């Protein structure tokens, strides 16, 4: 009997690759009772996909470890044998992986999640930087809301980070568009002057994820 998929996208993704092709190292095939079909799991990166093309061995591997945005699939060009990305609903295709992949920050709690999410996460790698920014910019100036004794300093007690998949997907899509503009112009987009103080205090692990060619900055 034909497979009973919840939508046409799942059916196409599950059957998009040659079933005889070998899985790439680290990938395994898992059976879904609810969808009556196999899906593919990469335990090291915690990636899960219905698209066998992402998991099979090929002459050119898609080494981008970021999860695909909802509605996108990996495909291979018959004319060039190169990997490109296809959006099932709109029919849009692109060679730009940043346009098709979510690329949540690696330090997010939900970085490897492929479904939608909205969460308020306590703490994070920027806590010390927040305190440093408070200490370096605080001024003991009397204002209308300071009727009592002036504080000598401010102390960060607790911080939260909002992890919102929908907002991030919109942001990543717009960033990809700016990257394309910078690529076509063969130059970086203009930066901030003076530079944002938050950038000066960033951890190296966060700094290296920023795209300087589109003037991406981290604010808190």
N, C-alpha and C. Protein backbone atom coordinates (compact mmCIF):
# COMPACT_ATOMS: atom_id res chain seq x y z
N UNK A 1 0.84 -1.21 0.00
CA UNK A 1 0.00 0.00 0.00
C UNK A 1 0.87 1.25 0.00
N UNK A 2 0.39 2.37 -0.55
CA UNK A 2 1.18 3.60 -0.56
C UNK A 2 1.40 4.13 0.84
N UNK A 3 2.52 4.86 1.01
CA UNK A 3 2.84 5.42 2.33
C UNK A 3 1.83 6.50 2.68
N UNK A 4 1.42 6.53 3.96
CA UNK A 4 0.43 7.51 4.43
C UNK A 4 1.16 8.64 5.14
N UNK A 5 1.62 9.64 4.41
CA UNK A 5 2.33 10.77 5.00
C UNK A 5 1.35 11.86 5.38
N UNK A 6 1.74 12.66 6.40
CA UNK A 6 0.89 13.77 6.82
C UNK A 6 0.82 14.85 5.74
N UNK A 7 1.88 15.00 4.95
CA UNK A 7 1.86 15.98 3.87
C UNK A 7 2.76 15.53 2.74
N UNK A 8 2.58 16.18 1.60
CA UNK A 8 3.33 15.81 0.40
C UNK A 8 4.82 16.05 0.58
N UNK A 9 5.20 17.08 1.39
CA UNK A 9 6.62 17.37 1.60
C UNK A 9 7.36 16.21 2.22
N UNK A 10 6.75 15.56 3.23
CA UNK A 10 7.41 14.42 3.86
C UNK A 10 7.59 13.27 2.87
N UNK A 11 6.57 13.05 2.02
CA UNK A 11 6.67 11.95 1.06
C UNK A 11 7.81 12.19 0.09
N UNK A 12 7.91 13.42 -0.42
CA UNK A 12 8.97 13.72 -1.38
C UNK A 12 10.35 13.65 -0.75
N UNK A 13 10.47 14.14 0.50
CA UNK A 13 11.76 14.13 1.19
C UNK A 13 12.23 12.70 1.44
N UNK A 14 11.31 11.83 1.84
CA UNK A 14 11.68 10.46 2.18
C UNK A 14 12.05 9.64 0.96
N UNK A 15 11.62 10.06 -0.23
CA UNK A 15 11.87 9.28 -1.43
C UNK A 15 12.75 10.02 -2.42
N UNK A 16 13.43 11.09 -1.98
CA UNK A 16 14.16 11.95 -2.90
C UNK A 16 15.52 11.41 -3.29
N UNK A 17 16.04 10.40 -2.60
CA UNK A 17 17.37 9.89 -2.89
C UNK A 17 17.30 8.43 -3.33
N UNK A 18 18.36 7.99 -3.98
CA UNK A 18 18.46 6.61 -4.42
C UNK A 18 18.46 5.69 -3.20
N UNK A 19 17.47 4.79 -3.06
CA UNK A 19 17.39 3.93 -1.88
C UNK A 19 18.56 2.97 -1.73
N UNK A 20 19.31 2.77 -2.82
CA UNK A 20 20.45 1.85 -2.75
C UNK A 20 21.74 2.55 -2.33
N UNK A 21 21.70 3.90 -2.27
CA UNK A 21 22.90 4.65 -1.91
C UNK A 21 23.25 4.43 -0.44
N UNK A 22 24.55 4.35 -0.14
CA UNK A 22 25.02 4.11 1.22
C UNK A 22 24.87 5.36 2.06
N UNK A 23 24.56 5.16 3.34
CA UNK A 23 24.48 6.29 4.26
C UNK A 23 25.88 6.80 4.58
N UNK A 24 26.01 8.11 4.74
CA UNK A 24 27.29 8.70 5.11
C UNK A 24 27.65 8.31 6.54
N UNK A 25 28.94 8.34 6.90
CA UNK A 25 29.37 7.97 8.26
C UNK A 25 28.64 8.80 9.31
N UNK A 26 28.16 8.12 10.37
CA UNK A 26 27.48 8.80 11.46
C UNK A 26 25.98 8.83 11.33
N UNK A 27 25.46 8.55 10.12
CA UNK A 27 24.02 8.55 9.89
C UNK A 27 23.44 7.16 10.08
N UNK A 28 22.23 7.08 10.58
CA UNK A 28 21.53 5.80 10.70
C UNK A 28 20.08 5.95 10.29
N UNK A 29 19.52 4.86 9.82
CA UNK A 29 18.14 4.84 9.35
C UNK A 29 17.23 4.34 10.46
N UNK A 30 16.14 5.08 10.75
CA UNK A 30 15.23 4.74 11.84
C UNK A 30 13.81 4.68 11.29
N UNK A 31 13.03 3.70 11.75
CA UNK A 31 11.66 3.53 11.27
C UNK A 31 10.68 4.34 12.11
N UNK A 32 9.76 5.05 11.45
CA UNK A 32 8.71 5.80 12.12
C UNK A 32 7.40 5.06 11.97
N UNK A 33 6.83 4.61 13.09
CA UNK A 33 5.55 3.92 13.05
C UNK A 33 4.41 4.85 12.65
N UNK A 34 4.49 6.12 13.08
CA UNK A 34 3.41 7.05 12.80
C UNK A 34 3.34 7.42 11.32
N UNK A 35 4.52 7.51 10.66
CA UNK A 35 4.55 7.91 9.25
C UNK A 35 4.72 6.71 8.31
N UNK A 36 4.95 5.52 8.91
CA UNK A 36 5.11 4.31 8.11
C UNK A 36 6.24 4.46 7.09
N UNK A 37 7.35 5.06 7.56
CA UNK A 37 8.49 5.28 6.68
C UNK A 37 9.75 5.48 7.52
N UNK A 38 10.91 5.46 6.86
CA UNK A 38 12.18 5.68 7.54
C UNK A 38 12.51 7.18 7.62
N UNK A 39 13.16 7.55 8.71
CA UNK A 39 13.80 8.87 8.77
C UNK A 39 15.26 8.63 9.12
N UNK A 40 16.06 9.68 9.15
CA UNK A 40 17.51 9.52 9.28
C UNK A 40 18.03 10.38 10.42
N UNK A 41 18.91 9.79 11.22
CA UNK A 41 19.39 10.44 12.45
C UNK A 41 20.91 10.47 12.46
N UNK A 42 21.48 11.63 12.77
CA UNK A 42 22.92 11.79 12.96
C UNK A 42 23.15 12.12 14.42
N UNK A 43 23.51 11.12 15.21
CA UNK A 43 23.55 11.27 16.67
C UNK A 43 24.60 12.28 17.13
N UNK A 44 25.73 12.36 16.47
CA UNK A 44 26.79 13.27 16.90
C UNK A 44 26.34 14.73 16.87
N UNK A 45 25.64 15.11 15.80
CA UNK A 45 25.17 16.49 15.67
C UNK A 45 23.72 16.66 16.10
N UNK A 46 23.05 15.51 16.41
CA UNK A 46 21.65 15.49 16.83
C UNK A 46 20.72 15.99 15.72
N UNK A 47 21.13 15.80 14.48
CA UNK A 47 20.29 16.17 13.34
C UNK A 47 19.35 15.02 13.00
N UNK A 48 18.11 15.36 12.70
CA UNK A 48 17.11 14.38 12.27
C UNK A 48 16.46 14.92 11.00
N UNK A 49 16.29 14.06 9.99
CA UNK A 49 15.70 14.50 8.74
C UNK A 49 14.94 13.37 8.06
N UNK A 50 13.92 13.74 7.29
CA UNK A 50 13.21 12.77 6.46
C UNK A 50 13.90 12.64 5.10
N UNK A 51 14.78 13.58 4.81
CA UNK A 51 15.40 13.67 3.49
C UNK A 51 16.62 12.76 3.40
N UNK A 52 16.50 11.64 2.70
CA UNK A 52 17.61 10.69 2.59
C UNK A 52 18.82 11.31 1.87
N UNK A 53 18.56 12.29 1.00
CA UNK A 53 19.65 12.93 0.28
C UNK A 53 20.67 13.54 1.24
N UNK A 54 20.21 14.03 2.39
CA UNK A 54 21.12 14.62 3.36
C UNK A 54 22.03 13.59 4.03
N UNK A 55 21.56 12.33 4.05
CA UNK A 55 22.27 11.31 4.82
C UNK A 55 23.11 10.35 3.98
N UNK A 56 22.97 10.40 2.64
CA UNK A 56 23.67 9.41 1.82
C UNK A 56 25.06 9.87 1.45
N UNK A 57 25.91 8.91 1.09
CA UNK A 57 27.26 9.19 0.62
C UNK A 57 27.17 9.68 -0.81
N UNK A 58 27.86 10.75 -1.14
CA UNK A 58 27.87 11.26 -2.50
C UNK A 58 29.24 11.81 -2.84
N UNK A 59 29.40 12.20 -4.11
CA UNK A 59 30.69 12.75 -4.53
C UNK A 59 30.96 14.08 -3.84
N UNK A 60 29.87 14.81 -3.57
CA UNK A 60 30.00 16.09 -2.87
C UNK A 60 29.06 16.07 -1.69
N UNK A 61 29.59 16.15 -0.50
CA UNK A 61 28.76 16.09 0.70
C UNK A 61 28.35 17.49 1.14
N UNK A 62 27.14 17.60 1.66
CA UNK A 62 26.68 18.84 2.25
C UNK A 62 27.18 18.85 3.68
N UNK A 63 28.28 19.56 3.94
CA UNK A 63 28.93 19.51 5.23
C UNK A 63 28.38 20.53 6.21
N UNK A 64 27.41 21.30 5.79
CA UNK A 64 26.80 22.29 6.67
C UNK A 64 25.99 21.57 7.74
N UNK A 65 26.39 21.70 9.01
CA UNK A 65 25.74 20.97 10.09
C UNK A 65 24.48 21.63 10.64
N UNK A 66 24.11 22.78 10.10
CA UNK A 66 22.93 23.47 10.61
C UNK A 66 21.65 22.81 10.10
N UNK A 67 20.63 22.85 10.93
CA UNK A 67 19.36 22.24 10.54
C UNK A 67 18.69 23.06 9.44
N UNK A 68 17.94 22.37 8.57
CA UNK A 68 17.20 23.05 7.53
C UNK A 68 16.01 23.79 8.13
N UNK A 69 15.69 24.95 7.58
CA UNK A 69 14.48 25.65 7.98
C UNK A 69 13.28 24.85 7.52
N UNK A 70 12.13 24.97 8.22
CA UNK A 70 10.93 24.23 7.82
C UNK A 70 10.56 24.51 6.37
N UNK A 71 10.27 23.45 5.62
CA UNK A 71 9.85 23.60 4.22
C UNK A 71 10.97 23.47 3.21
N UNK A 72 12.24 23.47 3.66
CA UNK A 72 13.37 23.36 2.75
C UNK A 72 13.87 21.93 2.68
N UNK A 73 14.43 21.55 1.54
CA UNK A 73 15.05 20.24 1.37
C UNK A 73 16.35 20.39 0.59
N UNK A 74 17.23 19.43 0.76
CA UNK A 74 18.49 19.40 0.01
C UNK A 74 18.26 18.63 -1.28
N UNK A 75 18.76 19.14 -2.40
CA UNK A 75 18.64 18.47 -3.68
C UNK A 75 19.98 18.51 -4.41
N UNK A 76 20.09 17.74 -5.47
CA UNK A 76 21.33 17.71 -6.23
C UNK A 76 21.04 18.02 -7.70
N UNK A 77 21.80 18.93 -8.26
CA UNK A 77 21.61 19.32 -9.64
C UNK A 77 22.08 18.21 -10.58
N UNK A 78 21.23 17.82 -11.53
CA UNK A 78 21.59 16.79 -12.50
C UNK A 78 22.62 17.28 -13.49
N UNK A 79 22.61 18.59 -13.77
CA UNK A 79 23.54 19.14 -14.76
C UNK A 79 24.94 19.38 -14.21
N UNK A 80 25.01 19.82 -12.93
CA UNK A 80 26.32 20.12 -12.34
C UNK A 80 26.72 19.15 -11.24
N UNK A 81 25.78 18.29 -10.80
CA UNK A 81 26.01 17.34 -9.71
C UNK A 81 26.40 18.06 -8.42
N UNK A 82 25.92 19.29 -8.25
CA UNK A 82 26.19 20.07 -7.04
C UNK A 82 24.93 20.15 -6.19
N UNK A 83 25.12 20.39 -4.91
CA UNK A 83 24.00 20.48 -3.98
C UNK A 83 23.37 21.87 -4.03
N UNK A 84 22.04 21.90 -4.06
CA UNK A 84 21.31 23.15 -3.94
C UNK A 84 20.14 22.93 -2.98
N UNK A 85 19.36 23.97 -2.71
CA UNK A 85 18.28 23.89 -1.72
C UNK A 85 16.96 24.29 -2.38
N UNK A 86 15.91 23.55 -2.03
CA UNK A 86 14.60 23.73 -2.65
C UNK A 86 13.54 23.92 -1.58
N UNK A 87 12.73 24.99 -1.73
CA UNK A 87 11.63 25.24 -0.80
C UNK A 87 10.36 24.66 -1.41
N UNK A 88 9.79 23.65 -0.73
CA UNK A 88 8.69 22.87 -1.28
C UNK A 88 7.45 23.71 -1.57
N UNK A 89 7.08 24.58 -0.64
CA UNK A 89 5.82 25.34 -0.78
C UNK A 89 5.89 26.39 -1.88
N UNK A 90 6.99 27.14 -1.93
CA UNK A 90 7.10 28.24 -2.89
C UNK A 90 7.77 27.84 -4.20
N UNK A 91 8.51 26.71 -4.19
CA UNK A 91 9.23 26.29 -5.38
C UNK A 91 10.57 27.00 -5.54
N UNK A 92 10.91 27.87 -4.61
CA UNK A 92 12.15 28.63 -4.68
C UNK A 92 13.36 27.71 -4.54
N UNK A 93 14.41 27.97 -5.31
CA UNK A 93 15.66 27.23 -5.19
C UNK A 93 16.80 28.20 -4.96
N UNK A 94 17.85 27.76 -4.27
CA UNK A 94 19.00 28.61 -4.00
C UNK A 94 20.24 27.75 -3.78
N UNK A 95 21.39 28.31 -4.12
CA UNK A 95 22.66 27.65 -3.84
C UNK A 95 23.18 28.07 -2.46
N UNK A 96 22.56 29.10 -1.89
CA UNK A 96 23.03 29.70 -0.64
C UNK A 96 22.49 28.91 0.56
N UNK A 97 23.36 28.16 1.23
CA UNK A 97 22.93 27.34 2.36
C UNK A 97 22.39 28.19 3.51
N UNK A 98 22.91 29.41 3.67
CA UNK A 98 22.46 30.27 4.77
C UNK A 98 21.00 30.69 4.61
N UNK A 99 20.52 30.68 3.37
CA UNK A 99 19.12 31.04 3.14
C UNK A 99 18.19 29.89 3.52
N UNK A 100 18.67 28.65 3.37
CA UNK A 100 17.83 27.48 3.60
C UNK A 100 18.00 26.89 4.99
N UNK A 101 19.07 27.23 5.65
CA UNK A 101 19.34 26.62 6.96
C UNK A 101 19.12 27.61 8.09
N UNK A 102 18.63 27.07 9.18
CA UNK A 102 18.28 27.91 10.32
C UNK A 102 19.54 28.49 10.97
N UNK A 103 20.47 27.62 11.31
CA UNK A 103 21.71 28.09 11.90
C UNK A 103 21.52 28.77 13.24
N UNK A 104 20.73 28.14 14.14
CA UNK A 104 20.58 28.71 15.47
C UNK A 104 21.95 28.82 16.14
N UNK A 105 22.17 29.81 16.99
CA UNK A 105 23.44 29.91 17.71
C UNK A 105 23.76 28.62 18.46
N UNK A 106 25.01 28.19 18.42
CA UNK A 106 25.40 26.91 19.02
C UNK A 106 25.18 26.86 20.52
N UNK A 107 25.15 28.03 21.18
CA UNK A 107 24.99 28.05 22.63
C UNK A 107 23.51 28.06 23.04
N UNK A 108 22.59 28.09 22.08
CA UNK A 108 21.17 28.00 22.41
C UNK A 108 20.83 26.62 22.93
N UNK A 109 19.91 26.55 23.88
CA UNK A 109 19.45 25.26 24.40
C UNK A 109 18.76 24.44 23.31
N UNK A 110 18.11 25.14 22.37
CA UNK A 110 17.36 24.46 21.32
C UNK A 110 18.10 24.49 19.99
N UNK A 111 19.42 24.61 20.02
CA UNK A 111 20.20 24.78 18.79
C UNK A 111 19.99 23.67 17.78
N UNK A 112 19.78 22.43 18.25
CA UNK A 112 19.66 21.30 17.33
C UNK A 112 18.21 20.93 17.03
N UNK A 113 17.26 21.70 17.56
CA UNK A 113 15.84 21.37 17.38
C UNK A 113 15.37 21.76 15.99
N UNK A 114 14.57 20.90 15.36
CA UNK A 114 14.09 21.17 14.01
C UNK A 114 12.64 21.66 13.99
N UNK A 115 11.91 21.51 15.09
CA UNK A 115 10.54 22.00 15.16
C UNK A 115 10.52 23.41 15.76
N UNK A 116 9.37 24.07 15.67
CA UNK A 116 9.25 25.44 16.19
C UNK A 116 9.33 25.45 17.72
N UNK A 117 9.86 26.54 18.28
CA UNK A 117 9.96 26.65 19.73
C UNK A 117 9.99 28.12 20.15
N UNK A 118 9.58 28.35 21.38
CA UNK A 118 9.65 29.66 22.03
C UNK A 118 9.93 29.39 23.50
N UNK A 119 11.09 29.83 23.97
CA UNK A 119 11.49 29.49 25.34
C UNK A 119 12.24 30.66 25.96
N UNK A 120 12.09 30.81 27.26
CA UNK A 120 12.82 31.80 28.04
C UNK A 120 13.87 31.06 28.84
N UNK A 121 15.14 31.25 28.47
CA UNK A 121 16.24 30.47 29.05
C UNK A 121 17.01 31.32 30.04
N UNK A 122 17.19 30.78 31.23
CA UNK A 122 17.91 31.49 32.28
C UNK A 122 19.41 31.34 32.10
N UNK A 123 20.13 32.43 32.33
CA UNK A 123 21.59 32.38 32.28
C UNK A 123 22.11 32.44 30.86
N UNK A 124 23.32 31.92 30.67
CA UNK A 124 23.93 31.92 29.34
C UNK A 124 25.36 32.41 29.40
N UNK A 125 26.07 32.30 28.28
CA UNK A 125 27.50 32.65 28.26
C UNK A 125 27.79 34.13 28.39
N UNK A 126 26.76 34.99 28.27
CA UNK A 126 27.00 36.43 28.28
C UNK A 126 26.81 37.06 29.65
N UNK A 127 26.60 36.26 30.71
CA UNK A 127 26.29 36.84 32.02
C UNK A 127 27.41 37.76 32.51
N UNK A 128 28.65 37.29 32.48
CA UNK A 128 29.77 38.11 32.95
C UNK A 128 29.91 39.37 32.11
N UNK A 129 29.64 39.25 30.79
CA UNK A 129 29.77 40.40 29.90
C UNK A 129 28.70 41.45 30.21
N UNK A 130 27.51 40.99 30.59
CA UNK A 130 26.46 41.92 30.98
C UNK A 130 26.88 42.71 32.21
N UNK A 131 27.45 42.01 33.19
CA UNK A 131 27.91 42.68 34.41
C UNK A 131 29.04 43.66 34.11
N UNK A 132 29.96 43.26 33.25
CA UNK A 132 31.07 44.15 32.87
C UNK A 132 30.55 45.40 32.18
N UNK A 133 29.53 45.24 31.35
CA UNK A 133 28.97 46.39 30.65
C UNK A 133 28.26 47.33 31.62
N UNK A 134 27.54 46.77 32.60
CA UNK A 134 26.89 47.58 33.62
C UNK A 134 27.92 48.38 34.42
N UNK A 135 29.00 47.70 34.80
CA UNK A 135 30.03 48.34 35.62
C UNK A 135 30.77 49.43 34.87
N UNK A 136 31.03 49.21 33.58
CA UNK A 136 31.84 50.17 32.82
C UNK A 136 31.04 51.36 32.31
N UNK A 137 29.71 51.26 32.28
CA UNK A 137 28.91 52.36 31.73
C UNK A 137 28.04 53.07 32.77
N UNK A 138 28.00 52.54 33.99
CA UNK A 138 27.15 53.14 35.03
C UNK A 138 27.69 54.50 35.46
N UNK A 139 26.80 55.47 35.58
CA UNK A 139 27.18 56.82 36.01
C UNK A 139 26.34 57.22 37.23
N UNK A 140 26.99 57.79 38.23
CA UNK A 140 26.28 58.24 39.43
C UNK A 140 25.74 59.65 39.20
N UNK A 141 24.67 59.72 38.46
CA UNK A 141 24.05 61.01 38.13
C UNK A 141 22.64 61.05 38.72
N UNK A 142 22.32 62.14 39.41
CA UNK A 142 21.00 62.28 40.01
C UNK A 142 19.98 62.61 38.92
N UNK A 143 18.90 61.83 38.88
CA UNK A 143 17.83 62.03 37.92
C UNK A 143 16.50 62.12 38.66
N UNK A 144 15.42 62.36 37.93
CA UNK A 144 14.10 62.53 38.54
C UNK A 144 13.64 61.27 39.27
N UNK A 145 14.03 60.10 38.77
CA UNK A 145 13.57 58.87 39.40
C UNK A 145 14.50 58.41 40.52
N UNK A 146 15.58 59.16 40.78
CA UNK A 146 16.49 58.82 41.87
C UNK A 146 16.30 59.83 43.01
N UNK A 147 15.29 59.59 43.83
CA UNK A 147 14.99 60.51 44.92
C UNK A 147 15.83 60.21 46.15
N UNK A 148 16.21 58.94 46.31
CA UNK A 148 16.95 58.54 47.50
C UNK A 148 18.46 58.59 47.23
N UNK A 149 19.20 57.92 48.09
CA UNK A 149 20.66 57.89 47.98
C UNK A 149 21.09 57.25 46.67
N UNK A 150 22.07 57.85 46.01
CA UNK A 150 22.53 57.33 44.72
C UNK A 150 23.26 56.01 44.90
N UNK A 151 22.95 55.01 44.07
CA UNK A 151 23.71 53.75 44.13
C UNK A 151 25.12 53.97 43.60
N UNK A 152 26.05 53.19 44.08
CA UNK A 152 27.44 53.30 43.64
C UNK A 152 27.73 52.39 42.45
N UNK A 153 26.88 51.40 42.26
CA UNK A 153 27.07 50.46 41.16
C UNK A 153 25.79 49.66 40.95
N UNK A 154 25.72 48.95 39.85
CA UNK A 154 24.61 48.05 39.55
C UNK A 154 25.14 46.62 39.44
N UNK A 155 24.37 45.70 39.95
CA UNK A 155 24.77 44.30 39.91
C UNK A 155 23.73 43.47 39.17
N UNK A 156 24.17 42.70 38.18
CA UNK A 156 23.28 41.79 37.45
C UNK A 156 22.99 40.59 38.34
N UNK A 157 21.74 40.37 38.65
CA UNK A 157 21.35 39.25 39.51
C UNK A 157 20.94 38.04 38.67
N UNK A 158 20.18 38.29 37.64
CA UNK A 158 19.72 37.20 36.79
C UNK A 158 19.42 37.74 35.40
N UNK A 159 19.76 36.97 34.37
CA UNK A 159 19.44 37.37 33.00
C UNK A 159 18.74 36.20 32.30
N UNK A 160 17.95 36.54 31.29
CA UNK A 160 17.26 35.53 30.49
C UNK A 160 17.54 35.78 29.02
N UNK A 161 17.47 34.71 28.26
CA UNK A 161 17.61 34.79 26.81
C UNK A 161 16.34 34.23 26.17
N UNK A 162 15.75 34.96 25.24
CA UNK A 162 14.58 34.47 24.53
C UNK A 162 15.03 33.68 23.31
N UNK A 163 14.62 32.42 23.23
CA UNK A 163 14.93 31.59 22.07
C UNK A 163 13.63 31.38 21.30
N UNK A 164 13.51 32.09 20.19
CA UNK A 164 12.28 32.10 19.40
C UNK A 164 12.61 31.67 17.97
N UNK A 165 12.18 30.47 17.58
CA UNK A 165 12.55 29.93 16.27
C UNK A 165 11.97 30.77 15.13
N UNK A 166 10.74 31.27 15.28
CA UNK A 166 10.10 32.03 14.21
C UNK A 166 10.83 33.34 13.95
N UNK A 167 11.15 34.06 15.03
CA UNK A 167 11.86 35.33 14.88
C UNK A 167 13.25 35.09 14.30
N UNK A 168 13.92 34.03 14.77
CA UNK A 168 15.28 33.76 14.28
C UNK A 168 15.27 33.42 12.79
N UNK A 169 14.28 32.67 12.32
CA UNK A 169 14.20 32.32 10.90
C UNK A 169 14.04 33.56 10.04
N UNK A 170 13.24 34.53 10.50
CA UNK A 170 13.08 35.78 9.77
C UNK A 170 14.40 36.55 9.75
N UNK A 171 15.08 36.56 10.89
CA UNK A 171 16.36 37.25 10.99
C UNK A 171 17.39 36.60 10.07
N UNK A 172 17.49 35.27 10.11
CA UNK A 172 18.47 34.56 9.30
C UNK A 172 18.21 34.75 7.81
N UNK A 173 16.95 34.80 7.42
CA UNK A 173 16.60 35.01 6.02
C UNK A 173 17.02 36.40 5.56
N UNK A 174 16.78 37.41 6.40
CA UNK A 174 17.19 38.78 6.06
C UNK A 174 18.71 38.88 6.02
N UNK A 175 19.39 38.23 6.96
CA UNK A 175 20.86 38.25 6.97
C UNK A 175 21.42 37.62 5.71
N UNK A 176 20.80 36.51 5.26
CA UNK A 176 21.25 35.85 4.04
C UNK A 176 21.13 36.80 2.84
N UNK A 177 20.05 37.60 2.83
CA UNK A 177 19.87 38.57 1.76
C UNK A 177 20.97 39.63 1.77
N UNK A 178 21.35 40.08 2.96
CA UNK A 178 22.44 41.06 3.09
C UNK A 178 23.78 40.45 2.65
N UNK A 179 23.99 39.18 2.99
CA UNK A 179 25.21 38.50 2.57
C UNK A 179 25.30 38.42 1.05
N UNK A 180 24.15 38.18 0.42
CA UNK A 180 24.13 38.13 -1.03
C UNK A 180 24.45 39.50 -1.63
N UNK A 181 23.93 40.55 -1.01
CA UNK A 181 24.23 41.91 -1.47
C UNK A 181 25.71 42.20 -1.36
N UNK A 182 26.31 41.82 -0.23
CA UNK A 182 27.73 42.06 -0.01
C UNK A 182 28.57 41.26 -1.00
N UNK A 183 28.11 40.03 -1.30
CA UNK A 183 28.84 39.17 -2.23
C UNK A 183 28.80 39.76 -3.64
N UNK A 184 27.64 40.26 -4.06
CA UNK A 184 27.50 40.85 -5.39
C UNK A 184 28.30 42.14 -5.52
N UNK A 185 28.39 42.89 -4.42
CA UNK A 185 29.13 44.16 -4.44
C UNK A 185 30.62 43.94 -4.21
N UNK A 186 30.99 42.69 -3.86
CA UNK A 186 32.40 42.36 -3.59
C UNK A 186 32.99 43.24 -2.50
N UNK A 187 32.19 43.57 -1.51
CA UNK A 187 32.67 44.39 -0.40
C UNK A 187 31.80 44.13 0.83
N UNK A 188 32.28 44.56 1.97
CA UNK A 188 31.52 44.42 3.21
C UNK A 188 30.59 45.62 3.37
N UNK A 189 29.49 45.42 4.06
CA UNK A 189 28.57 46.52 4.33
C UNK A 189 29.18 47.46 5.37
N UNK A 190 28.81 48.74 5.36
CA UNK A 190 29.38 49.71 6.32
C UNK A 190 29.13 49.29 7.76
N UNK A 191 30.11 49.52 8.63
CA UNK A 191 29.99 49.15 10.03
C UNK A 191 29.49 50.30 10.88
N UNK A 192 29.38 50.07 12.19
CA UNK A 192 28.92 51.09 13.13
C UNK A 192 30.09 51.95 13.59
N UNK A 193 29.83 53.22 13.76
CA UNK A 193 30.85 54.12 14.28
C UNK A 193 30.21 55.09 15.27
N UNK A 194 30.61 55.02 16.55
CA UNK A 194 31.58 54.08 17.12
C UNK A 194 31.01 52.67 17.23
N UNK A 195 31.87 51.66 17.39
CA UNK A 195 31.38 50.28 17.48
C UNK A 195 30.55 50.06 18.74
N UNK A 196 29.62 49.12 18.67
CA UNK A 196 28.78 48.81 19.83
C UNK A 196 29.64 48.30 20.98
N UNK A 197 29.39 48.79 22.18
CA UNK A 197 30.18 48.38 23.34
C UNK A 197 30.04 46.89 23.63
N UNK A 198 28.89 46.32 23.28
CA UNK A 198 28.69 44.89 23.54
C UNK A 198 29.68 44.04 22.74
N UNK A 199 30.07 44.51 21.56
CA UNK A 199 31.01 43.74 20.73
C UNK A 199 32.37 43.63 21.39
N UNK A 200 32.78 44.69 22.09
CA UNK A 200 34.10 44.71 22.72
C UNK A 200 34.20 43.68 23.85
N UNK A 201 33.05 43.33 24.45
CA UNK A 201 33.06 42.45 25.62
C UNK A 201 32.70 41.00 25.29
N UNK A 202 32.44 40.71 24.04
CA UNK A 202 31.98 39.37 23.67
C UNK A 202 33.03 38.30 23.87
N UNK A 203 32.57 37.11 24.25
CA UNK A 203 33.44 35.94 24.30
C UNK A 203 33.87 35.58 22.89
N UNK A 204 35.07 35.01 22.76
CA UNK A 204 35.57 34.62 21.43
C UNK A 204 34.65 33.62 20.76
N UNK A 205 34.08 32.70 21.55
CA UNK A 205 33.21 31.66 20.99
C UNK A 205 31.96 32.25 20.36
N UNK A 206 31.53 33.42 20.84
CA UNK A 206 30.37 34.09 20.25
C UNK A 206 30.81 34.99 19.10
N UNK A 207 31.94 35.65 19.28
CA UNK A 207 32.44 36.58 18.26
C UNK A 207 32.67 35.89 16.92
N UNK A 208 33.21 34.68 16.98
CA UNK A 208 33.56 34.00 15.74
C UNK A 208 32.33 33.54 14.95
N UNK A 209 31.14 33.60 15.56
CA UNK A 209 29.92 33.22 14.84
C UNK A 209 29.29 34.40 14.14
N UNK A 210 29.80 35.60 14.35
CA UNK A 210 29.23 36.79 13.76
C UNK A 210 29.75 37.00 12.34
N UNK A 211 28.92 37.55 11.46
CA UNK A 211 29.29 37.81 10.08
C UNK A 211 29.68 39.28 9.93
N UNK A 212 30.99 39.54 9.93
CA UNK A 212 31.46 40.92 9.87
C UNK A 212 31.16 41.58 8.53
N UNK A 213 31.04 40.78 7.47
CA UNK A 213 30.81 41.39 6.14
C UNK A 213 29.44 42.02 6.01
N UNK A 214 28.52 41.67 6.92
CA UNK A 214 27.21 42.33 6.91
C UNK A 214 26.98 43.13 8.19
N UNK A 215 28.09 43.42 8.90
CA UNK A 215 28.04 44.27 10.08
C UNK A 215 27.11 43.67 11.15
N UNK A 216 27.18 42.37 11.36
CA UNK A 216 26.36 41.72 12.37
C UNK A 216 26.95 41.97 13.75
N UNK A 217 26.13 42.41 14.69
CA UNK A 217 26.60 42.69 16.04
C UNK A 217 25.70 42.02 17.06
N UNK A 218 26.23 41.80 18.24
CA UNK A 218 25.53 41.13 19.32
C UNK A 218 25.13 42.19 20.35
N UNK A 219 23.85 42.30 20.62
CA UNK A 219 23.36 43.29 21.58
C UNK A 219 22.75 42.63 22.79
N UNK A 220 22.93 43.23 23.97
CA UNK A 220 22.25 42.78 25.18
C UNK A 220 22.07 43.97 26.11
